[in-house]
Amino acid sequence: MPFPASVSKGDVYGRVDSVMIGADICGWAMRAPRLLIDERERLASARDDLRESLGYFPPEAQPYFALLVRIADEALS
C-alpha cells in the first residue's frame, strides 16, 4: 500500500511521526519471531500510540495506518 499523499512526511499526527511509525512497526514485525522482550514492548508501545493517533490522520489516510496497527497486532500474537 503506498504512503498516503494526504499525509505530510515527517509531521507528527497525535503521538506519532507519520513516517517513522511505519518504519518502526514494519522493522519489528519482520523480526517478530526473534524479538527480544524490550523490542516486543517497544512494538506494543508504538502500536498503542498509533492506535490512539488514528483520528489525527486525514480520513483517506486512516486505512493505511490502521493496517500498520493490524501488522503490529499480528507480530505480537
N, C-alpha and C. Protein backbone atom coordinates (compact mmCIF):
# COMPACT_ATOMS: atom_id res chain seq x y z
N MET A 1 0.86 -1.16 0.00
CA MET A 1 0.00 0.00 0.00
C MET A 1 0.91 1.24 0.00
N PRO A 2 0.70 2.17 -0.91
CA PRO A 2 1.56 3.36 -0.96
C PRO A 2 1.29 4.31 0.21
N PHE A 3 2.30 5.08 0.56
CA PHE A 3 2.15 6.08 1.61
C PHE A 3 1.10 7.09 1.16
N PRO A 4 0.16 7.45 2.04
CA PRO A 4 -0.93 8.35 1.65
C PRO A 4 -0.42 9.74 1.25
N ALA A 5 -0.88 10.21 0.11
CA ALA A 5 -0.47 11.52 -0.40
C ALA A 5 -0.97 12.66 0.49
N SER A 6 -2.04 12.42 1.23
CA SER A 6 -2.61 13.48 2.07
C SER A 6 -1.88 13.67 3.39
N VAL A 7 -0.86 12.86 3.65
CA VAL A 7 -0.10 12.94 4.89
C VAL A 7 1.25 13.59 4.61
N SER A 8 1.60 14.57 5.43
CA SER A 8 2.90 15.23 5.29
C SER A 8 3.96 14.36 5.92
N LYS A 9 4.94 13.97 5.13
CA LYS A 9 6.00 13.09 5.63
C LYS A 9 6.80 13.80 6.70
N GLY A 10 6.98 13.10 7.81
CA GLY A 10 7.77 13.62 8.92
C GLY A 10 6.98 14.45 9.91
N ASP A 11 5.73 14.78 9.60
CA ASP A 11 4.92 15.53 10.55
C ASP A 11 4.40 14.59 11.64
N VAL A 12 4.09 15.17 12.78
CA VAL A 12 3.55 14.40 13.90
C VAL A 12 2.03 14.49 13.86
N TYR A 13 1.41 13.33 13.93
CA TYR A 13 -0.04 13.22 13.99
C TYR A 13 -0.36 12.54 15.30
N GLY A 14 -1.02 13.26 16.18
CA GLY A 14 -1.27 12.70 17.50
C GLY A 14 0.05 12.47 18.21
N ARG A 15 0.38 11.21 18.45
CA ARG A 15 1.59 10.87 19.20
C ARG A 15 2.67 10.23 18.34
N VAL A 16 2.49 10.24 16.99
CA VAL A 16 3.43 9.52 16.14
C VAL A 16 3.94 10.38 14.98
N ASP A 17 5.16 10.11 14.58
CA ASP A 17 5.74 10.67 13.36
C ASP A 17 5.19 9.86 12.19
N SER A 18 4.68 10.53 11.20
CA SER A 18 3.97 9.84 10.12
C SER A 18 4.82 8.83 9.35
N VAL A 19 6.11 9.06 9.26
CA VAL A 19 6.98 8.13 8.53
C VAL A 19 7.61 7.10 9.46
N MET A 20 8.13 7.57 10.56
CA MET A 20 8.88 6.68 11.46
C MET A 20 8.01 5.59 12.07
N ILE A 21 6.73 5.87 12.29
CA ILE A 21 5.89 4.84 12.91
C ILE A 21 5.77 3.62 12.01
N GLY A 22 5.67 3.82 10.72
CA GLY A 22 5.60 2.69 9.79
C GLY A 22 6.91 1.94 9.73
N ALA A 23 8.02 2.68 9.69
CA ALA A 23 9.33 2.05 9.64
C ALA A 23 9.58 1.24 10.91
N ASP A 24 9.21 1.80 12.05
CA ASP A 24 9.41 1.09 13.32
C ASP A 24 8.57 -0.18 13.37
N ILE A 25 7.28 -0.05 13.11
CA ILE A 25 6.39 -1.21 13.22
C ILE A 25 6.79 -2.29 12.22
N CYS A 26 7.05 -1.92 10.98
CA CYS A 26 7.41 -2.93 9.98
C CYS A 26 8.76 -3.57 10.28
N GLY A 27 9.70 -2.77 10.76
CA GLY A 27 11.01 -3.31 11.12
C GLY A 27 10.91 -4.35 12.22
N TRP A 28 10.16 -4.04 13.27
CA TRP A 28 10.00 -5.01 14.35
C TRP A 28 9.16 -6.20 13.90
N ALA A 29 8.13 -5.95 13.12
CA ALA A 29 7.24 -7.04 12.69
C ALA A 29 7.99 -8.07 11.84
N MET A 30 8.94 -7.62 11.03
CA MET A 30 9.70 -8.56 10.20
C MET A 30 10.58 -9.47 11.05
N ARG A 31 10.87 -9.05 12.25
CA ARG A 31 11.71 -9.85 13.14
C ARG A 31 10.88 -10.51 14.25
N ALA A 32 9.57 -10.50 14.12
CA ALA A 32 8.66 -10.91 15.19
C ALA A 32 9.04 -12.20 15.91
N PRO A 33 9.38 -13.25 15.21
CA PRO A 33 9.68 -14.48 15.98
C PRO A 33 10.93 -14.36 16.85
N ARG A 34 11.79 -13.41 16.55
CA ARG A 34 13.06 -13.30 17.26
C ARG A 34 13.18 -12.03 18.10
N LEU A 35 12.09 -11.34 18.34
CA LEU A 35 12.16 -10.09 19.11
C LEU A 35 12.54 -10.35 20.56
N LEU A 36 13.40 -9.50 21.07
CA LEU A 36 13.72 -9.53 22.48
C LEU A 36 12.56 -8.93 23.26
N ILE A 37 12.51 -9.16 24.55
CA ILE A 37 11.41 -8.67 25.37
C ILE A 37 11.25 -7.16 25.25
N ASP A 38 12.35 -6.41 25.32
CA ASP A 38 12.24 -4.96 25.24
C ASP A 38 11.80 -4.50 23.84
N GLU A 39 12.16 -5.25 22.82
CA GLU A 39 11.70 -4.92 21.47
C GLU A 39 10.20 -5.17 21.32
N ARG A 40 9.71 -6.24 21.91
CA ARG A 40 8.27 -6.51 21.91
C ARG A 40 7.52 -5.39 22.63
N GLU A 41 8.09 -4.92 23.72
CA GLU A 41 7.45 -3.83 24.47
C GLU A 41 7.44 -2.55 23.65
N ARG A 42 8.51 -2.26 22.92
CA ARG A 42 8.56 -1.06 22.07
C ARG A 42 7.58 -1.18 20.91
N LEU A 43 7.47 -2.38 20.33
CA LEU A 43 6.49 -2.59 19.27
C LEU A 43 5.08 -2.38 19.81
N ALA A 44 4.78 -2.93 20.96
CA ALA A 44 3.45 -2.77 21.56
C ALA A 44 3.17 -1.30 21.86
N SER A 45 4.17 -0.58 22.34
CA SER A 45 4.01 0.84 22.64
C SER A 45 3.77 1.64 21.36
N ALA A 46 4.51 1.34 20.31
CA ALA A 46 4.33 2.03 19.03
C ALA A 46 2.93 1.76 18.48
N ARG A 47 2.50 0.50 18.56
CA ARG A 47 1.15 0.14 18.11
C ARG A 47 0.09 0.91 18.88
N ASP A 48 0.25 0.96 20.20
CA ASP A 48 -0.73 1.66 21.04
C ASP A 48 -0.77 3.15 20.72
N ASP A 49 0.42 3.75 20.55
CA ASP A 49 0.48 5.17 20.20
C ASP A 49 -0.20 5.43 18.86
N LEU A 50 0.04 4.55 17.89
CA LEU A 50 -0.58 4.73 16.58
C LEU A 50 -2.09 4.54 16.68
N ARG A 51 -2.52 3.53 17.39
CA ARG A 51 -3.96 3.28 17.54
C ARG A 51 -4.65 4.52 18.12
N GLU A 52 -4.02 5.14 19.13
CA GLU A 52 -4.59 6.33 19.75
C GLU A 52 -4.53 7.54 18.82
N SER A 53 -3.67 7.51 17.83
CA SER A 53 -3.46 8.66 16.94
C SER A 53 -4.20 8.55 15.61
N LEU A 54 -4.86 7.45 15.35
CA LEU A 54 -5.50 7.25 14.05
C LEU A 54 -6.42 8.41 13.65
N GLY A 55 -7.16 8.93 14.59
CA GLY A 55 -8.11 10.01 14.30
C GLY A 55 -7.46 11.32 13.91
N TYR A 56 -6.16 11.47 14.12
CA TYR A 56 -5.45 12.69 13.75
C TYR A 56 -5.06 12.70 12.27
N PHE A 57 -5.08 11.54 11.64
CA PHE A 57 -4.73 11.45 10.22
C PHE A 57 -5.95 11.81 9.37
N PRO A 58 -5.72 12.32 8.16
CA PRO A 58 -6.85 12.57 7.26
C PRO A 58 -7.64 11.27 7.05
N PRO A 59 -8.95 11.37 6.91
CA PRO A 59 -9.77 10.16 6.78
C PRO A 59 -9.30 9.20 5.69
N GLU A 60 -8.87 9.73 4.55
CA GLU A 60 -8.45 8.85 3.46
C GLU A 60 -7.12 8.15 3.76
N ALA A 61 -6.37 8.63 4.75
CA ALA A 61 -5.09 8.02 5.12
C ALA A 61 -5.25 7.00 6.25
N GLN A 62 -6.35 7.03 6.94
CA GLN A 62 -6.52 6.17 8.10
C GLN A 62 -6.42 4.68 7.79
N PRO A 63 -6.92 4.19 6.65
CA PRO A 63 -6.76 2.75 6.37
C PRO A 63 -5.30 2.31 6.30
N TYR A 64 -4.43 3.15 5.78
CA TYR A 64 -3.00 2.83 5.71
C TYR A 64 -2.44 2.63 7.11
N PHE A 65 -2.76 3.55 8.01
CA PHE A 65 -2.21 3.47 9.36
C PHE A 65 -2.92 2.40 10.19
N ALA A 66 -4.19 2.14 9.92
CA ALA A 66 -4.89 1.04 10.58
C ALA A 66 -4.27 -0.30 10.18
N LEU A 67 -3.81 -0.40 8.94
CA LEU A 67 -3.12 -1.61 8.50
C LEU A 67 -1.83 -1.81 9.31
N LEU A 68 -1.12 -0.75 9.60
CA LEU A 68 0.09 -0.85 10.43
C LEU A 68 -0.25 -1.36 11.83
N VAL A 69 -1.37 -0.93 12.37
CA VAL A 69 -1.81 -1.43 13.68
C VAL A 69 -2.07 -2.93 13.59
N ARG A 70 -2.73 -3.38 12.52
CA ARG A 70 -3.00 -4.81 12.35
C ARG A 70 -1.72 -5.61 12.17
N ILE A 71 -0.76 -5.05 11.47
CA ILE A 71 0.55 -5.72 11.31
C ILE A 71 1.19 -5.90 12.67
N ALA A 72 1.16 -4.85 13.49
CA ALA A 72 1.74 -4.95 14.83
C ALA A 72 0.99 -5.97 15.68
N ASP A 73 -0.33 -5.99 15.58
CA ASP A 73 -1.13 -6.97 16.32
C ASP A 73 -0.71 -8.39 15.94
N GLU A 74 -0.58 -8.64 14.66
CA GLU A 74 -0.17 -9.97 14.19
C GLU A 74 1.23 -10.34 14.69
N ALA A 75 2.13 -9.39 14.63
CA ALA A 75 3.51 -9.65 15.06
C ALA A 75 3.57 -9.95 16.55
N LEU A 76 2.68 -9.37 17.30
CA LEU A 76 2.68 -9.58 18.76
C LEU A 76 1.86 -10.79 19.20
N SER A 77 1.10 -11.37 18.28
CA SER A 77 0.25 -12.50 18.68
C SER A 77 1.03 -13.81 18.68
